[in-house]
Full PDB file with SEQRES, HELIX, SHEET, SSBOND, CRYST1, ORIGX, SCALE, CONECT and MASTER records, all heavy atoms in Angstrom:
SEQRES   1 A   35  GLN HIS LEU ASP GLY ARG GLU HIS GLU ILE SER GLN GLY          
SEQRES   2 A   35  ASN VAL LEU GLY GLY GLY THR SER VAL ASN ALA GLN VAL          
SEQRES   3 A   35  TYR MET ARG GLY ARG ALA SER ASP TYR                          
HELIX    1 AA1 GLY A   18  SER A   21  5                                   4    
CRYST1    1.000    1.000    1.000  90.00  90.00  90.00 P 1           1          
ORIGX1      1.000000  0.000000  0.000000        0.00000                         
ORIGX2      0.000000  1.000000  0.000000        0.00000                         
ORIGX3      0.000000  0.000000  1.000000        0.00000                         
SCALE1      1.000000  0.000000  0.000000        0.00000                         
SCALE2      0.000000  1.000000  0.000000        0.00000                         
SCALE3      0.000000  0.000000  1.000000        0.00000                         
ATOM      1  N   GLN A   1       0.820  -1.209   0.013  1.00  0.00           N  
ATOM      2  CA  GLN A   1       0.012   0.008   0.001  1.00  0.00           C  
ATOM      3  C   GLN A   1       0.853   1.262  -0.022  1.00  0.00           C  
ATOM      4  O   GLN A   1       0.480   2.282  -0.607  1.00  0.00           O  
ATOM      5  CB  GLN A   1      -0.939  -0.029   1.205  1.00  0.00           C  
ATOM      6  CG  GLN A   1      -1.952  -1.155   1.190  1.00  0.00           C  
ATOM      7  CD  GLN A   1      -2.713  -1.275  -0.141  1.00  0.00           C  
ATOM      8  OE1 GLN A   1      -3.161  -0.243  -0.663  1.00  0.00           O  
ATOM      9  NE2 GLN A   1      -2.872  -2.475  -0.652  1.00  0.00           N  
ATOM     10  N   HIS A   2       2.005   1.230   0.653  1.00  0.00           N  
ATOM     11  CA  HIS A   2       2.865   2.441   0.681  1.00  0.00           C  
ATOM     12  C   HIS A   2       3.531   2.639  -0.670  1.00  0.00           C  
ATOM     13  O   HIS A   2       4.137   3.727  -0.892  1.00  0.00           O  
ATOM     14  CB  HIS A   2       3.926   2.274   1.777  1.00  0.00           C  
ATOM     15  CG  HIS A   2       4.946   1.228   1.514  1.00  0.00           C  
ATOM     16  ND1 HIS A   2       4.633  -0.117   1.546  1.00  0.00           N  
ATOM     17  CD2 HIS A   2       6.260   1.294   1.195  1.00  0.00           C  
ATOM     18  CE1 HIS A   2       5.727  -0.791   1.304  1.00  0.00           C  
ATOM     19  NE2 HIS A   2       6.722   0.004   1.056  1.00  0.00           N  
ATOM     20  N   LEU A   3       3.457   1.652  -1.572  1.00  0.00           N  
ATOM     21  CA  LEU A   3       3.961   1.804  -2.957  1.00  0.00           C  
ATOM     22  C   LEU A   3       2.793   1.894  -3.918  1.00  0.00           C  
ATOM     23  O   LEU A   3       2.883   1.454  -5.066  1.00  0.00           O  
ATOM     24  CB  LEU A   3       4.851   0.607  -3.302  1.00  0.00           C  
ATOM     25  CG  LEU A   3       6.087   0.388  -2.443  1.00  0.00           C  
ATOM     26  CD1 LEU A   3       6.846  -0.837  -2.932  1.00  0.00           C  
ATOM     27  CD2 LEU A   3       6.985   1.613  -2.414  1.00  0.00           C  
ATOM     28  N   ASP A   4       1.697   2.462  -3.452  1.00  0.00           N  
ATOM     29  CA  ASP A   4       0.510   2.665  -4.264  1.00  0.00           C  
ATOM     30  C   ASP A   4      -0.060   1.367  -4.792  1.00  0.00           C  
ATOM     31  O   ASP A   4      -0.560   1.283  -5.903  1.00  0.00           O  
ATOM     32  CB  ASP A   4       0.808   3.602  -5.449  1.00  0.00           C  
ATOM     33  CG  ASP A   4       1.331   4.957  -4.971  1.00  0.00           C  
ATOM     34  OD1 ASP A   4       0.810   5.466  -3.979  1.00  0.00           O  
ATOM     35  OD2 ASP A   4       2.249   5.511  -5.605  1.00  0.00           O  
ATOM     36  N   GLY A   5       0.035   0.299  -3.934  1.00  0.00           N  
ATOM     37  CA  GLY A   5      -0.576  -0.962  -4.268  1.00  0.00           C  
ATOM     38  C   GLY A   5       0.234  -1.858  -5.147  1.00  0.00           C  
ATOM     39  O   GLY A   5      -0.226  -2.936  -5.587  1.00  0.00           O  
ATOM     40  N   ARG A   6       1.475  -1.487  -5.459  1.00  0.00           N  
ATOM     41  CA  ARG A   6       2.352  -2.305  -6.313  1.00  0.00           C  
ATOM     42  C   ARG A   6       2.600  -3.681  -5.688  1.00  0.00           C  
ATOM     43  O   ARG A   6       2.759  -3.826  -4.478  1.00  0.00           O  
ATOM     44  CB  ARG A   6       3.702  -1.645  -6.522  1.00  0.00           C  
ATOM     45  CG  ARG A   6       3.808  -0.717  -7.691  1.00  0.00           C  
ATOM     46  CD  ARG A   6       5.244  -0.256  -7.843  1.00  0.00           C  
ATOM     47  NE  ARG A   6       6.118  -1.373  -8.212  1.00  0.00           N  
ATOM     48  CZ  ARG A   6       7.421  -1.459  -7.851  1.00  0.00           C  
ATOM     49  NH1 ARG A   6       7.985  -0.510  -7.136  1.00  0.00           N  
ATOM     50  NH2 ARG A   6       8.134  -2.496  -8.248  1.00  0.00           N  
ATOM     51  N   GLU A   7       2.714  -4.674  -6.558  1.00  0.00           N  
ATOM     52  CA  GLU A   7       3.258  -5.994  -6.165  1.00  0.00           C  
ATOM     53  C   GLU A   7       4.542  -6.183  -6.945  1.00  0.00           C  
ATOM     54  O   GLU A   7       4.750  -5.613  -8.026  1.00  0.00           O  
ATOM     55  CB  GLU A   7       2.275  -7.132  -6.556  1.00  0.00           C  
ATOM     56  CG  GLU A   7       0.910  -6.997  -5.898  1.00  0.00           C  
ATOM     57  CD  GLU A   7      -0.039  -8.059  -6.401  1.00  0.00           C  
ATOM     58  OE1 GLU A   7       0.423  -9.039  -7.022  1.00  0.00           O  
ATOM     59  OE2 GLU A   7      -1.274  -7.921  -6.184  1.00  0.00           O  
ATOM     60  N   HIS A   8       5.443  -6.924  -6.377  1.00  0.00           N  
ATOM     61  CA  HIS A   8       6.676  -7.273  -7.111  1.00  0.00           C  
ATOM     62  C   HIS A   8       7.083  -8.686  -6.697  1.00  0.00           C  
ATOM     63  O   HIS A   8       6.466  -9.309  -5.851  1.00  0.00           O  
ATOM     64  CB  HIS A   8       7.787  -6.254  -6.881  1.00  0.00           C  
ATOM     65  CG  HIS A   8       8.065  -5.931  -5.407  1.00  0.00           C  
ATOM     66  ND1 HIS A   8       9.049  -6.545  -4.685  1.00  0.00           N  
ATOM     67  CD2 HIS A   8       7.468  -5.061  -4.570  1.00  0.00           C  
ATOM     68  CE1 HIS A   8       9.037  -6.067  -3.459  1.00  0.00           C  
ATOM     69  NE2 HIS A   8       8.110  -5.181  -3.348  1.00  0.00           N  
ATOM     70  N   GLU A   9       8.104  -9.195  -7.335  1.00  0.00           N  
ATOM     71  CA  GLU A   9       8.562 -10.563  -7.079  1.00  0.00           C  
ATOM     72  C   GLU A   9       9.911 -10.613  -6.381  1.00  0.00           C  
ATOM     73  O   GLU A   9      10.754  -9.736  -6.652  1.00  0.00           O  
ATOM     74  CB  GLU A   9       8.626 -11.351  -8.413  1.00  0.00           C  
ATOM     75  CG  GLU A   9       7.267 -11.669  -9.019  1.00  0.00           C  
ATOM     76  CD  GLU A   9       7.382 -12.425 -10.320  1.00  0.00           C  
ATOM     77  OE1 GLU A   9       8.446 -12.331 -10.977  1.00  0.00           O  
ATOM     78  OE2 GLU A   9       6.417 -13.118 -10.688  1.00  0.00           O  
ATOM     79  N   ILE A  10      10.075 -11.604  -5.565  1.00  0.00           N  
ATOM     80  CA  ILE A  10      11.380 -11.911  -4.964  1.00  0.00           C  
ATOM     81  C   ILE A  10      11.747 -13.272  -5.479  1.00  0.00           C  
ATOM     82  O   ILE A  10      11.074 -14.269  -5.150  1.00  0.00           O  
ATOM     83  CB  ILE A  10      11.329 -11.878  -3.426  1.00  0.00           C  
ATOM     84  CG1 ILE A  10      10.784 -10.544  -2.924  1.00  0.00           C  
ATOM     85  CG2 ILE A  10      12.724 -12.152  -2.872  1.00  0.00           C  
ATOM     86  CD1 ILE A  10      10.625 -10.474  -1.400  1.00  0.00           C  
ATOM     87  N   SER A  11      12.780 -13.347  -6.298  1.00  0.00           N  
ATOM     88  CA  SER A  11      13.207 -14.657  -6.811  1.00  0.00           C  
ATOM     89  C   SER A  11      14.297 -15.200  -5.910  1.00  0.00           C  
ATOM     90  O   SER A  11      15.137 -14.494  -5.405  1.00  0.00           O  
ATOM     91  CB  SER A  11      13.704 -14.542  -8.247  1.00  0.00           C  
ATOM     92  OG  SER A  11      14.767 -13.635  -8.328  1.00  0.00           O  
ATOM     93  N   GLN A  12      14.252 -16.530  -5.718  1.00  0.00           N  
ATOM     94  CA  GLN A  12      15.237 -17.237  -4.911  1.00  0.00           C  
ATOM     95  C   GLN A  12      15.703 -18.480  -5.675  1.00  0.00           C  
ATOM     96  O   GLN A  12      14.980 -19.014  -6.498  1.00  0.00           O  
ATOM     97  CB  GLN A  12      14.606 -17.670  -3.544  1.00  0.00           C  
ATOM     98  CG  GLN A  12      14.111 -16.509  -2.715  1.00  0.00           C  
ATOM     99  CD  GLN A  12      15.218 -15.781  -1.989  1.00  0.00           C  
ATOM    100  OE1 GLN A  12      15.625 -16.160  -0.864  1.00  0.00           O  
ATOM    101  NE2 GLN A  12      15.763 -14.745  -2.599  1.00  0.00           N  
ATOM    102  N   GLY A  13      16.903 -18.908  -5.391  1.00  0.00           N  
ATOM    103  CA  GLY A  13      17.455 -20.049  -6.063  1.00  0.00           C  
ATOM    104  C   GLY A  13      16.652 -21.321  -5.809  1.00  0.00           C  
ATOM    105  O   GLY A  13      16.272 -21.583  -4.665  1.00  0.00           O  
ATOM    106  N   ASN A  14      16.387 -22.070  -6.835  1.00  0.00           N  
ATOM    107  CA  ASN A  14      15.682 -23.348  -6.750  1.00  0.00           C  
ATOM    108  C   ASN A  14      16.638 -24.442  -7.244  1.00  0.00           C  
ATOM    109  O   ASN A  14      16.355 -25.144  -8.196  1.00  0.00           O  
ATOM    110  CB  ASN A  14      14.402 -23.319  -7.556  1.00  0.00           C  
ATOM    111  CG  ASN A  14      13.528 -24.568  -7.369  1.00  0.00           C  
ATOM    112  OD1 ASN A  14      13.442 -25.092  -6.256  1.00  0.00           O  
ATOM    113  ND2 ASN A  14      12.943 -25.046  -8.425  1.00  0.00           N  
ATOM    114  N   VAL A  15      17.811 -24.532  -6.591  1.00  0.00           N  
ATOM    115  CA  VAL A  15      18.887 -25.294  -7.116  1.00  0.00           C  
ATOM    116  C   VAL A  15      19.886 -25.546  -5.962  1.00  0.00           C  
ATOM    117  O   VAL A  15      19.967 -24.758  -5.035  1.00  0.00           O  
ATOM    118  CB  VAL A  15      19.590 -24.548  -8.286  1.00  0.00           C  
ATOM    119  CG1 VAL A  15      20.040 -23.167  -7.864  1.00  0.00           C  
ATOM    120  CG2 VAL A  15      20.717 -25.305  -8.905  1.00  0.00           C  
ATOM    121  N   LEU A  16      20.651 -26.627  -6.057  1.00  0.00           N  
ATOM    122  CA  LEU A  16      21.673 -26.865  -5.055  1.00  0.00           C  
ATOM    123  C   LEU A  16      22.696 -25.707  -5.111  1.00  0.00           C  
ATOM    124  O   LEU A  16      23.143 -25.347  -6.177  1.00  0.00           O  
ATOM    125  CB  LEU A  16      22.417 -28.203  -5.340  1.00  0.00           C  
ATOM    126  CG  LEU A  16      23.418 -28.618  -4.263  1.00  0.00           C  
ATOM    127  CD1 LEU A  16      22.734 -28.943  -2.960  1.00  0.00           C  
ATOM    128  CD2 LEU A  16      24.220 -29.847  -4.747  1.00  0.00           C  
ATOM    129  N   GLY A  17      22.990 -25.160  -3.961  1.00  0.00           N  
ATOM    130  CA  GLY A  17      23.832 -23.979  -3.885  1.00  0.00           C  
ATOM    131  C   GLY A  17      22.997 -22.715  -3.678  1.00  0.00           C  
ATOM    132  O   GLY A  17      23.523 -21.651  -3.325  1.00  0.00           O  
ATOM    133  N   GLY A  18      21.666 -22.848  -3.896  1.00  0.00           N  
ATOM    134  CA  GLY A  18      20.786 -21.683  -3.663  1.00  0.00           C  
ATOM    135  C   GLY A  18      21.190 -20.472  -4.447  1.00  0.00           C  
ATOM    136  O   GLY A  18      21.535 -20.531  -5.630  1.00  0.00           O  
ATOM    137  N   GLY A  19      21.197 -19.311  -3.746  1.00  0.00           N  
ATOM    138  CA  GLY A  19      21.567 -18.092  -4.421  1.00  0.00           C  
ATOM    139  C   GLY A  19      22.952 -18.088  -5.034  1.00  0.00           C  
ATOM    140  O   GLY A  19      23.205 -17.419  -6.020  1.00  0.00           O  
ATOM    141  N   THR A  20      23.877 -18.844  -4.429  1.00  0.00           N  
ATOM    142  CA  THR A  20      25.255 -18.859  -4.953  1.00  0.00           C  
ATOM    143  C   THR A  20      25.324 -19.536  -6.324  1.00  0.00           C  
ATOM    144  O   THR A  20      26.351 -19.389  -7.015  1.00  0.00           O  
ATOM    145  CB  THR A  20      26.229 -19.527  -4.002  1.00  0.00           C  
ATOM    146  OG1 THR A  20      25.928 -20.915  -3.886  1.00  0.00           O  
ATOM    147  CG2 THR A  20      26.179 -18.889  -2.618  1.00  0.00           C  
ATOM    148  N   SER A  21      24.286 -20.268  -6.700  1.00  0.00           N  
ATOM    149  CA  SER A  21      24.260 -20.892  -8.019  1.00  0.00           C  
ATOM    150  C   SER A  21      23.575 -20.065  -9.081  1.00  0.00           C  
ATOM    151  O   SER A  21      23.620 -20.388 -10.264  1.00  0.00           O  
ATOM    152  CB  SER A  21      23.601 -22.279  -7.933  1.00  0.00           C  
ATOM    153  OG  SER A  21      24.388 -23.199  -7.218  1.00  0.00           O  
ATOM    154  N   VAL A  22      22.889 -18.977  -8.675  1.00  0.00           N  
ATOM    155  CA  VAL A  22      22.108 -18.193  -9.644  1.00  0.00           C  
ATOM    156  C   VAL A  22      22.383 -16.689  -9.534  1.00  0.00           C  
ATOM    157  O   VAL A  22      21.802 -15.933 -10.279  1.00  0.00           O  
ATOM    158  CB  VAL A  22      20.606 -18.464  -9.499  1.00  0.00           C  
ATOM    159  CG1 VAL A  22      20.253 -19.925  -9.788  1.00  0.00           C  
ATOM    160  CG2 VAL A  22      20.097 -18.056  -8.094  1.00  0.00           C  
ATOM    161  N   ASN A  23      23.209 -16.251  -8.578  1.00  0.00           N  
ATOM    162  CA  ASN A  23      23.376 -14.819  -8.382  1.00  0.00           C  
ATOM    163  C   ASN A  23      24.453 -14.252  -9.305  1.00  0.00           C  
ATOM    164  O   ASN A  23      25.062 -14.952 -10.116  1.00  0.00           O  
ATOM    165  CB  ASN A  23      23.683 -14.515  -6.898  1.00  0.00           C  
ATOM    166  CG  ASN A  23      25.010 -15.148  -6.429  1.00  0.00           C  
ATOM    167  OD1 ASN A  23      25.768 -15.707  -7.203  1.00  0.00           O  
ATOM    168  ND2 ASN A  23      25.286 -15.004  -5.159  1.00  0.00           N  
ATOM    169  N   ALA A  24      24.732 -12.954  -9.126  1.00  0.00           N  
ATOM    170  CA  ALA A  24      25.764 -12.277  -9.922  1.00  0.00           C  
ATOM    171  C   ALA A  24      27.155 -12.475  -9.341  1.00  0.00           C  
ATOM    172  O   ALA A  24      28.103 -11.887  -9.826  1.00  0.00           O  
ATOM    173  CB  ALA A  24      25.430 -10.803 -10.058  1.00  0.00           C  
ATOM    174  N   GLN A  25      27.286 -13.294  -8.292  1.00  0.00           N  
ATOM    175  CA  GLN A  25      28.549 -13.799  -7.762  1.00  0.00           C  
ATOM    176  C   GLN A  25      29.386 -12.748  -7.010  1.00  0.00           C  
ATOM    177  O   GLN A  25      30.557 -12.991  -6.709  1.00  0.00           O  
ATOM    178  CB  GLN A  25      29.391 -14.444  -8.858  1.00  0.00           C  
ATOM    179  CG  GLN A  25      28.677 -15.602  -9.528  1.00  0.00           C  
ATOM    180  CD  GLN A  25      28.866 -15.584 -11.019  1.00  0.00           C  
ATOM    181  OE1 GLN A  25      29.958 -15.878 -11.534  1.00  0.00           O  
ATOM    182  NE2 GLN A  25      27.844 -15.191 -11.764  1.00  0.00           N  
ATOM    183  N   VAL A  26      28.813 -11.573  -6.719  1.00  0.00           N  
ATOM    184  CA  VAL A  26      29.581 -10.558  -5.990  1.00  0.00           C  
ATOM    185  C   VAL A  26      29.951 -11.077  -4.621  1.00  0.00           C  
ATOM    186  O   VAL A  26      29.105 -11.599  -3.876  1.00  0.00           O  
ATOM    187  CB  VAL A  26      28.788  -9.237  -5.849  1.00  0.00           C  
ATOM    188  CG1 VAL A  26      29.532  -8.221  -5.020  1.00  0.00           C  
ATOM    189  CG2 VAL A  26      28.468  -8.681  -7.251  1.00  0.00           C  
ATOM    190  N   TYR A  27      31.221 -10.955  -4.263  1.00  0.00           N  
ATOM    191  CA  TYR A  27      31.696 -11.444  -2.972  1.00  0.00           C  
ATOM    192  C   TYR A  27      31.815 -10.242  -2.017  1.00  0.00           C  
ATOM    193  O   TYR A  27      32.710  -9.410  -2.109  1.00  0.00           O  
ATOM    194  CB  TYR A  27      33.087 -12.124  -3.121  1.00  0.00           C  
ATOM    195  CG  TYR A  27      33.600 -12.630  -1.761  1.00  0.00           C  
ATOM    196  CD1 TYR A  27      33.035 -13.759  -1.155  1.00  0.00           C  
ATOM    197  CD2 TYR A  27      34.647 -11.986  -1.111  1.00  0.00           C  
ATOM    198  CE1 TYR A  27      33.527 -14.201   0.060  1.00  0.00           C  
ATOM    199  CE2 TYR A  27      35.160 -12.447   0.108  1.00  0.00           C  
ATOM    200  CZ  TYR A  27      34.551 -13.538   0.690  1.00  0.00           C  
ATOM    201  OH  TYR A  27      35.020 -14.012   1.919  1.00  0.00           O  
ATOM    202  N   MET A  28      30.890 -10.188  -1.082  1.00  0.00           N  
ATOM    203  CA  MET A  28      30.860  -9.136  -0.060  1.00  0.00           C  
ATOM    204  C   MET A  28      30.549  -9.744   1.259  1.00  0.00           C  
ATOM    205  O   MET A  28      29.672 -10.610   1.380  1.00  0.00           O  
ATOM    206  CB  MET A  28      29.775  -8.110  -0.378  1.00  0.00           C  
ATOM    207  CG  MET A  28      30.103  -7.145  -1.541  1.00  0.00           C  
ATOM    208  SD  MET A  28      31.461  -6.039  -1.175  1.00  0.00           S  
ATOM    209  CE  MET A  28      30.949  -5.342   0.354  1.00  0.00           C  
ATOM    210  N   ARG A  29      31.272  -9.297   2.299  1.00  0.00           N  
ATOM    211  CA  ARG A  29      31.075  -9.862   3.633  1.00  0.00           C  
ATOM    212  C   ARG A  29      30.318  -8.935   4.554  1.00  0.00           C  
ATOM    213  O   ARG A  29      29.831  -9.323   5.627  1.00  0.00           O  
ATOM    214  CB  ARG A  29      32.432 -10.202   4.278  1.00  0.00           C  
ATOM    215  CG  ARG A  29      33.243 -11.151   3.453  1.00  0.00           C  
ATOM    216  CD  ARG A  29      34.579 -11.491   4.071  1.00  0.00           C  
ATOM    217  NE  ARG A  29      35.326 -10.322   4.440  1.00  0.00           N  
ATOM    218  CZ  ARG A  29      36.668 -10.332   4.528  1.00  0.00           C  
ATOM    219  NH1 ARG A  29      37.368 -11.421   4.224  1.00  0.00           N  
ATOM    220  NH2 ARG A  29      37.311  -9.246   4.914  1.00  0.00           N  
ATOM    221  N   GLY A  30      30.189  -7.647   4.166  1.00  0.00           N  
ATOM    222  CA  GLY A  30      29.711  -6.666   5.123  1.00  0.00           C  
ATOM    223  C   GLY A  30      30.874  -6.065   5.857  1.00  0.00           C  
ATOM    224  O   GLY A  30      32.035  -6.382   5.619  1.00  0.00           O  
ATOM    225  N   ARG A  31      30.563  -5.190   6.793  1.00  0.00           N  
ATOM    226  CA  ARG A  31      31.658  -4.496   7.487  1.00  0.00           C  
ATOM    227  C   ARG A  31      31.682  -4.901   8.956  1.00  0.00           C  
ATOM    228  O   ARG A  31      30.749  -5.488   9.473  1.00  0.00           O  
ATOM    229  CB  ARG A  31      31.450  -2.983   7.340  1.00  0.00           C  
ATOM    230  CG  ARG A  31      30.095  -2.467   7.809  1.00  0.00           C  
ATOM    231  CD  ARG A  31      29.775  -1.132   7.172  1.00  0.00           C  
ATOM    232  NE  ARG A  31      28.535  -0.553   7.630  1.00  0.00           N  
ATOM    233  CZ  ARG A  31      27.810   0.312   6.928  1.00  0.00           C  
ATOM    234  NH1 ARG A  31      28.193   0.663   5.718  1.00  0.00           N  
ATOM    235  NH2 ARG A  31      26.693   0.805   7.421  1.00  0.00           N  
ATOM    236  N   ALA A  32      32.758  -4.616   9.610  1.00  0.00           N  
ATOM    237  CA  ALA A  32      32.978  -5.036  10.980  1.00  0.00           C  
ATOM    238  C   ALA A  32      31.818  -4.567  11.888  1.00  0.00           C  
ATOM    239  O   ALA A  32      31.376  -5.320  12.777  1.00  0.00           O  
ATOM    240  CB  ALA A  32      34.300  -4.515  11.519  1.00  0.00           C  
ATOM    241  N   SER A  33      31.330  -3.345  11.661  1.00  0.00           N  
ATOM    242  CA  SER A  33      30.269  -2.824  12.564  1.00  0.00           C  
ATOM    243  C   SER A  33      28.991  -3.635  12.455  1.00  0.00           C  
ATOM    244  O   SER A  33      28.196  -3.643  13.388  1.00  0.00           O  
ATOM    245  CB  SER A  33      30.030  -1.378  12.225  1.00  0.00           C  
ATOM    246  OG  SER A  33      29.587  -1.184  10.879  1.00  0.00           O  
ATOM    247  N   ASP A  34      28.758  -4.314  11.310  1.00  0.00           N  
ATOM    248  CA  ASP A  34      27.553  -5.170  11.192  1.00  0.00           C  
ATOM    249  C   ASP A  34      27.552  -6.224  12.260  1.00  0.00           C  
ATOM    250  O   ASP A  34      26.536  -6.460  12.931  1.00  0.00           O  
ATOM    251  CB  ASP A  34      27.490  -5.841   9.831  1.00  0.00           C  
ATOM    252  CG  ASP A  34      27.290  -4.906   8.671  1.00  0.00           C  
ATOM    253  OD1 ASP A  34      26.742  -3.824   8.888  1.00  0.00           O  
ATOM    254  OD2 ASP A  34      27.740  -5.226   7.555  1.00  0.00           O  
ATOM    255  N   TYR A  35      28.667  -6.869  12.418  1.00  0.00           N  
ATOM    256  CA  TYR A  35      28.751  -8.026  13.351  1.00  0.00           C  
ATOM    257  C   TYR A  35      28.954  -7.531  14.785  1.00  0.00           C  
ATOM    258  O   TYR A  35      28.505  -8.210  15.724  1.00  0.00           O  
ATOM    259  CB  TYR A  35      29.854  -8.956  12.877  1.00  0.00           C  
ATOM    260  CG  TYR A  35      29.602  -9.385  11.430  1.00  0.00           C  
ATOM    261  CD1 TYR A  35      30.250  -8.779  10.377  1.00  0.00           C  
ATOM    262  CD2 TYR A  35      28.623 -10.324  11.156  1.00  0.00           C  
ATOM    263  CE1 TYR A  35      29.960  -9.118   9.072  1.00  0.00           C  
ATOM    264  CE2 TYR A  35      28.330 -10.686   9.859  1.00  0.00           C  
ATOM    265  CZ  TYR A  35      29.007 -10.088   8.806  1.00  0.00           C  
ATOM    266  OH  TYR A  35      28.721 -10.410   7.506  1.00  0.00           O  
TER     267      TYR A  35                                                      
MASTER        0    0    0    1    0    0    0    6  266    1    0    3          
END                                                                             
């Protein structure tokens, strides 16, 4: 509702390896302050 009623899709891996088998492969860990 806050997007004027828009719906959108969230795709997830349906494969062994999950997202790591279908993503753009960017390697990011986050920063120290996250943890």
